[in-house]
Structures are given as C-alpha cells and as structure tokens.
Amino acid sequence: MIPGIRAVLFDLDETLIDDFPGLERAHRAVARRLRDYLRGRGMEVNEDELFNRITQLDDKMNLQRRYIRNDWWPLLLEKMNVKVELPPELLDELTWIYWKTFADNSRPYPDTKPTLEYLKGKGYKLGIVTDTDGTRGIKEMRLKQLDFIKNFDVVIISGEDTARTKPDPQPFLLAAERLGVRPEECVFVGDKPFTDIDGGRAAGMKTVLLKRRDWGVRERADYTIKSLAELRDLL
C-alpha cells in the first residue's frame, strides 16, 4: 500500500480509455480522405501506405509532444515525397475527421468505472491531467462524452488550462492545488513514461506506470501495473 495518499490523478488516453480501436479507425478515415483528395488531382497514392504512415507518425508525434494535427498532414505527405500543398480548409477537415472518428470508436477499459468507484468509496479525491488535443475545445468535447467523468473532482487540460503541457510539472501542481492537497499526497497514474511519469515525478508525486505497451524509453515509475484493477493492491 502507498502511504500518505489523499488524491489519485489519472492520464486519460490509453489509461482510462482504450484508444487503440479509435486510433485505427481514425487513421483509416484520414487515409481514405487524403487518397480521394489526391486522386481528384491526378495523384494516385495507396491508401494502405497512407494508413501505415499515419500510424507511425502518430506515435512519433506523441513522443515529441507535438499535438497539433493540422501540422501532421503536410508532414505526412512530405515524408512520402508527395509534393502538394494542402489548403487550410482541408487540414481542418482532416483533423475533424480524425478526432470525430477517434471519439466515436474509443471506449473506457472494462475496469475503468469499477476502479474509479472503488477509489471514490475509499475516500480518495480524483483528478484527470490530460494534454490538449492540439485544437482548443476538442479534448473538452471528448471528455463530455464520457460517463465516468462525473467521478472526478478536477480535470486539467494541460496546454489549455496551463501554459505548458506534460511533462512540465505545472498542470500536475495545478490539479493538486485545486484539490486542496500537497503534491506528495498525490499519486499519478498514466501509461506514458515520457509525459505522465516524468511529469508526476517532477511535481513531487508518487507515480504508477500503467504499462499498456512498450514505448522504448526509460521507465522510472515508483510502481508498475498492467491493469487499472491492480490499483486496489496499492491504494
């Protein structure tokens, strides 16, 4: 058991929400729209190659903490040596397709709601610290669609509620302040070592890595689990 904890803070994507089905469908939808756009201009690009490249780009941009999707699509074509300038309205459309498809096909993990209810029943204060989706308002829209959001006492969208995104300690410290607890009385649970764990540690919190996959980077969490349900053994 982790002693002295009064609040449990969570990342959102791939921590509380199973993003993998949503990401796959979002990548496919963007690839299809880009293929159709390029075909209409006499340029034939394979949809599967676009899909694979978008999937690779998504991980790369997350590692670099570059969240503005409108910046992704020209970079994608540049990497594929496709020489065309995408109009601003198409960039906006591709980003909307990405997030709408993603949100419609991402669901909470089966143990998300039971775990949150367990922690709430134990008297812990609960919070979310999640990074901006790059376009103001998108993350807020997604959060409102989640039934379990009512369990949380505070939600911080870093990069919107704060000037800096994770792993800067600023959004973590703001969450603790709004909950009325000290950072050392918090534990942060997240799936990404390079934002969630590094940021939580920098803020002086205990950290729990929820290892959904191997990101190929150094992991320095105080604890490592493989499912949210395992939090019952720590809290």
Protein backbone atom coordinates (compact mmCIF):
# COMPACT_ATOMS: atom_id res chain seq x y z
CA MET A 1 0.00 0.00 0.00
CA ILE A 2 1.17 3.55 -0.80
CA PRO A 3 1.09 5.55 2.46
CA GLY A 4 0.02 9.16 2.89
CA ILE A 5 -2.04 9.44 -0.31
CA ARG A 6 -5.18 11.61 -0.38
CA ALA A 7 -5.67 12.08 -4.14
CA VAL A 8 -5.32 9.89 -7.23
CA LEU A 9 -4.70 11.64 -10.54
CA PHE A 10 -5.03 9.98 -13.93
CA ASP A 11 -4.00 10.47 -17.51
CA LEU A 12 -6.88 9.93 -19.95
CA ASP A 13 -5.93 8.33 -23.27
CA GLU A 14 -4.70 4.73 -23.11
CA THR A 15 -5.01 4.95 -19.32
CA LEU A 16 -8.76 5.24 -18.74
CA ILE A 17 -9.85 4.94 -22.39
CA ASP A 18 -9.00 2.13 -24.80
CA ASP A 19 -7.79 4.28 -27.69
CA PHE A 20 -6.50 1.55 -29.96
CA PRO A 21 -9.76 0.86 -31.89
CA GLY A 22 -10.40 4.59 -32.21
CA LEU A 23 -6.88 5.31 -33.43
CA GLU A 24 -7.03 2.58 -36.06
CA ARG A 25 -10.33 3.83 -37.45
CA ALA A 26 -9.21 7.48 -37.27
CA HIS A 27 -6.04 6.69 -39.21
CA ARG A 28 -8.03 4.78 -41.80
CA ALA A 29 -10.58 7.58 -42.20
CA VAL A 30 -7.86 10.22 -42.71
CA ALA A 31 -6.01 7.96 -45.16
CA ARG A 32 -9.17 7.45 -47.20
CA ARG A 33 -9.97 11.18 -47.35
CA LEU A 34 -6.40 12.06 -48.33
CA ARG A 35 -6.37 9.37 -51.01
CA ASP A 36 -9.60 10.74 -52.50
CA TYR A 37 -8.30 14.31 -52.42
CA LEU A 38 -5.04 13.39 -54.14
CA ARG A 39 -6.82 11.19 -56.68
CA GLY A 40 -9.01 14.13 -57.61
CA ARG A 41 -5.84 15.98 -58.52
CA GLY A 42 -4.44 13.19 -60.64
CA MET A 43 -2.13 11.78 -57.95
CA GLU A 44 -2.51 8.11 -57.08
CA VAL A 45 -1.36 7.21 -53.55
CA ASN A 46 -2.00 3.82 -51.96
CA GLU A 47 -4.49 4.05 -49.08
CA ASP A 48 -2.77 1.29 -47.08
CA GLU A 49 0.56 3.08 -47.32
CA LEU A 50 -1.08 6.29 -46.13
CA PHE A 51 -2.66 4.39 -43.25
CA ASN A 52 0.65 2.82 -42.20
CA ARG A 53 2.48 6.14 -42.43
CA ILE A 54 -0.16 7.91 -40.32
CA THR A 55 0.09 5.20 -37.67
CA GLN A 56 3.87 5.62 -37.50
CA LEU A 57 3.54 9.41 -37.46
CA ASP A 58 1.04 9.32 -34.58
CA ASP A 59 3.49 7.56 -32.26
CA LYS A 60 6.38 9.78 -33.36
CA MET A 61 4.45 12.99 -32.76
CA ASN A 62 3.31 11.78 -29.32
CA LEU A 63 6.90 11.04 -28.36
CA GLN A 64 7.84 14.57 -29.47
CA ARG A 65 4.73 16.04 -27.77
CA ARG A 66 3.57 17.69 -30.99
CA TYR A 67 -0.21 17.61 -30.73
CA ILE A 68 -1.49 19.97 -33.44
CA ARG A 69 -2.93 17.60 -36.03
CA ASN A 70 -3.13 20.30 -38.71
CA ASP A 71 0.67 20.26 -38.68
CA TRP A 72 0.79 16.49 -39.14
CA TRP A 73 -0.83 16.15 -42.56
CA PRO A 74 1.65 18.23 -44.62
CA LEU A 75 4.50 16.48 -42.78
CA LEU A 76 2.98 13.12 -43.68
CA LEU A 77 2.95 13.90 -47.40
CA GLU A 78 6.43 15.41 -47.22
CA LYS A 79 7.75 12.14 -45.75
CA MET A 80 6.06 10.27 -48.61
CA ASN A 81 7.60 12.66 -51.16
CA VAL A 82 4.13 13.74 -52.32
CA LYS A 83 4.53 17.31 -53.50
CA VAL A 84 1.23 19.08 -52.97
CA GLU A 85 0.11 21.95 -50.76
CA LEU A 86 -2.98 21.11 -48.74
CA PRO A 87 -5.44 24.01 -48.35
CA PRO A 88 -6.23 25.18 -44.78
CA GLU A 89 -9.86 24.04 -45.03
CA LEU A 90 -8.71 20.51 -45.87
CA LEU A 91 -6.29 20.49 -42.93
CA ASP A 92 -9.19 21.43 -40.64
CA GLU A 93 -11.39 18.75 -42.22
CA LEU A 94 -8.76 16.03 -41.81
CA THR A 95 -8.26 16.96 -38.16
CA TRP A 96 -12.01 16.92 -37.53
CA ILE A 97 -12.34 13.52 -39.26
CA TYR A 98 -9.51 12.22 -37.09
CA TRP A 99 -10.98 13.35 -33.78
CA LYS A 100 -14.63 12.60 -34.57
CA THR A 101 -13.77 9.06 -35.70
CA PHE A 102 -11.45 8.60 -32.74
CA ALA A 103 -14.06 9.73 -30.18
CA ASP A 104 -16.83 7.63 -31.72
CA ASN A 105 -14.75 4.45 -31.53
CA SER A 106 -12.86 4.78 -28.22
CA ARG A 107 -14.36 3.27 -25.08
CA PRO A 108 -13.39 3.07 -21.40
CA TYR A 109 -11.49 -0.05 -20.38
CA PRO A 110 -13.77 -2.58 -18.61
CA ASP A 111 -12.10 -1.93 -15.25
CA THR A 112 -12.16 1.89 -15.51
CA LYS A 113 -15.53 2.59 -13.91
CA PRO A 114 -15.27 -0.10 -11.16
CA THR A 115 -11.79 1.15 -10.23
CA LEU A 116 -12.90 4.78 -10.02
CA GLU A 117 -15.90 3.83 -7.91
CA TYR A 118 -13.66 1.77 -5.61
CA LEU A 119 -11.26 4.70 -5.11
CA LYS A 120 -14.13 7.11 -4.57
CA GLY A 121 -15.56 4.75 -1.97
CA LYS A 122 -12.22 4.69 -0.17
CA GLY A 123 -12.39 8.47 0.16
CA TYR A 124 -9.72 9.49 -2.33
CA LYS A 125 -10.08 12.72 -4.27
CA LEU A 126 -9.86 12.04 -8.01
CA GLY A 127 -8.47 14.11 -10.85
CA ILE A 128 -7.52 13.97 -14.51
CA VAL A 129 -4.47 15.68 -16.02
CA THR A 130 -4.56 15.28 -19.80
CA ASP A 131 -2.76 17.08 -22.59
CA THR A 132 -4.51 19.26 -25.13
CA ASP A 133 -5.51 17.59 -28.39
CA GLY A 134 -3.87 20.48 -30.22
CA THR A 135 -7.12 22.19 -31.22
CA ARG A 136 -8.80 24.05 -28.36
CA GLY A 137 -12.15 22.56 -27.43
CA ILE A 138 -11.60 19.06 -28.87
CA LYS A 139 -10.45 17.47 -25.61
CA GLU A 140 -13.29 19.16 -23.70
CA MET A 141 -15.77 17.78 -26.25
CA ARG A 142 -14.37 14.29 -25.83
CA LEU A 143 -14.43 14.49 -22.04
CA LYS A 144 -18.11 15.46 -22.02
CA GLN A 145 -18.94 12.23 -23.86
CA LEU A 146 -17.52 10.07 -21.04
CA ASP A 147 -19.98 8.76 -18.47
CA PHE A 148 -17.28 8.23 -15.83
CA ILE A 149 -16.22 11.90 -15.86
CA LYS A 150 -18.68 12.61 -13.02
CA ASN A 151 -16.40 10.70 -10.65
CA PHE A 152 -13.69 13.36 -10.89
CA ASP A 153 -13.24 16.34 -8.61
CA VAL A 154 -10.95 18.20 -11.03
CA VAL A 155 -9.98 17.98 -14.70
CA ILE A 156 -6.94 19.80 -16.04
CA ILE A 157 -6.32 20.08 -19.80
CA SER A 158 -2.65 20.99 -19.95
CA GLY A 159 -1.80 23.37 -22.75
CA GLU A 160 -5.24 24.96 -22.34
CA ASP A 161 -5.75 25.33 -18.58
CA THR A 162 -1.99 25.83 -18.24
CA ALA A 163 0.65 27.38 -20.48
CA ARG A 164 2.69 24.19 -20.57
CA THR A 165 1.84 20.56 -21.33
CA LYS A 166 3.10 17.42 -19.62
CA PRO A 167 5.79 16.56 -18.53
CA ASP A 168 6.13 20.10 -17.18
CA PRO A 169 5.02 19.97 -13.51
CA GLN A 170 2.69 22.98 -13.95
CA PRO A 171 -0.53 21.06 -14.80
CA PHE A 172 0.13 18.44 -12.09
CA LEU A 173 0.65 21.13 -9.46
CA LEU A 174 -2.49 22.98 -10.57
CA ALA A 175 -4.53 19.79 -10.12
CA ALA A 176 -3.17 19.30 -6.61
CA GLU A 177 -3.86 22.94 -5.74
CA ARG A 178 -7.46 22.73 -6.91
CA LEU A 179 -7.96 19.53 -4.93
CA GLY A 180 -6.56 21.18 -1.80
CA VAL A 181 -3.79 18.62 -1.30
CA ARG A 182 0.00 18.70 -1.34
CA PRO A 183 1.81 17.12 -4.32
CA GLU A 184 3.35 14.47 -2.06
CA GLU A 185 -0.18 13.43 -1.10
CA CYS A 186 -0.95 12.59 -4.73
CA VAL A 187 -0.25 9.57 -6.88
CA PHE A 188 -0.30 9.94 -10.65
CA VAL A 189 -1.38 7.02 -12.86
CA GLY A 190 -0.54 7.08 -16.56
CA ASP A 191 0.60 4.98 -19.49
CA LYS A 192 3.33 7.18 -20.99
CA PRO A 193 6.69 7.27 -19.20
CA PHE A 194 7.84 10.40 -21.06
CA THR A 195 4.87 12.60 -20.09
CA ASP A 196 2.87 11.02 -17.26
CA ILE A 197 5.63 9.51 -15.15
CA ASP A 198 8.32 12.12 -15.76
CA GLY A 199 5.81 14.90 -15.13
CA GLY A 200 4.37 13.36 -11.99
CA ARG A 201 7.86 12.82 -10.58
CA ALA A 202 8.87 16.40 -11.41
CA ALA A 203 5.84 17.63 -9.46
CA GLY A 204 6.83 15.59 -6.40
CA MET A 205 4.07 12.98 -6.73
CA LYS A 206 4.24 9.21 -6.45
CA THR A 207 3.86 7.61 -9.87
CA VAL A 208 2.25 4.46 -11.22
CA LEU A 209 3.01 3.36 -14.77
CA LEU A 210 0.08 1.55 -16.36
CA LYS A 211 2.03 -0.41 -18.93
CA ARG A 212 -0.25 -0.82 -21.94
CA ARG A 213 2.73 -1.14 -24.34
CA ASP A 214 6.47 -0.63 -24.54
CA TRP A 215 7.34 2.88 -25.74
CA GLY A 216 11.05 2.07 -25.95
CA VAL A 217 12.04 4.77 -23.45
CA ARG A 218 13.37 4.75 -19.90
CA GLU A 219 10.75 3.96 -17.26
CA ARG A 220 11.20 5.49 -13.80
CA ALA A 221 7.85 4.95 -12.10
CA ASP A 222 7.57 4.11 -8.41
CA TYR A 223 5.17 1.29 -9.29
CA THR A 224 4.21 -0.55 -12.48
CA ILE A 225 0.88 -2.26 -13.14
CA LYS A 226 -0.76 -3.83 -16.17
CA SER A 227 -4.41 -3.03 -15.45
CA LEU A 228 -6.36 -0.40 -13.54
CA ALA A 229 -7.81 -3.11 -11.33
CA GLU A 230 -4.34 -3.63 -9.85
CA LEU A 231 -4.62 -0.23 -8.17
CA ARG A 232 -6.64 -1.99 -5.45
CA ASP A 233 -3.40 -3.61 -4.32
CA LEU A 234 -1.73 -0.19 -3.96
CA LEU A 235 -4.50 2.05 -2.63
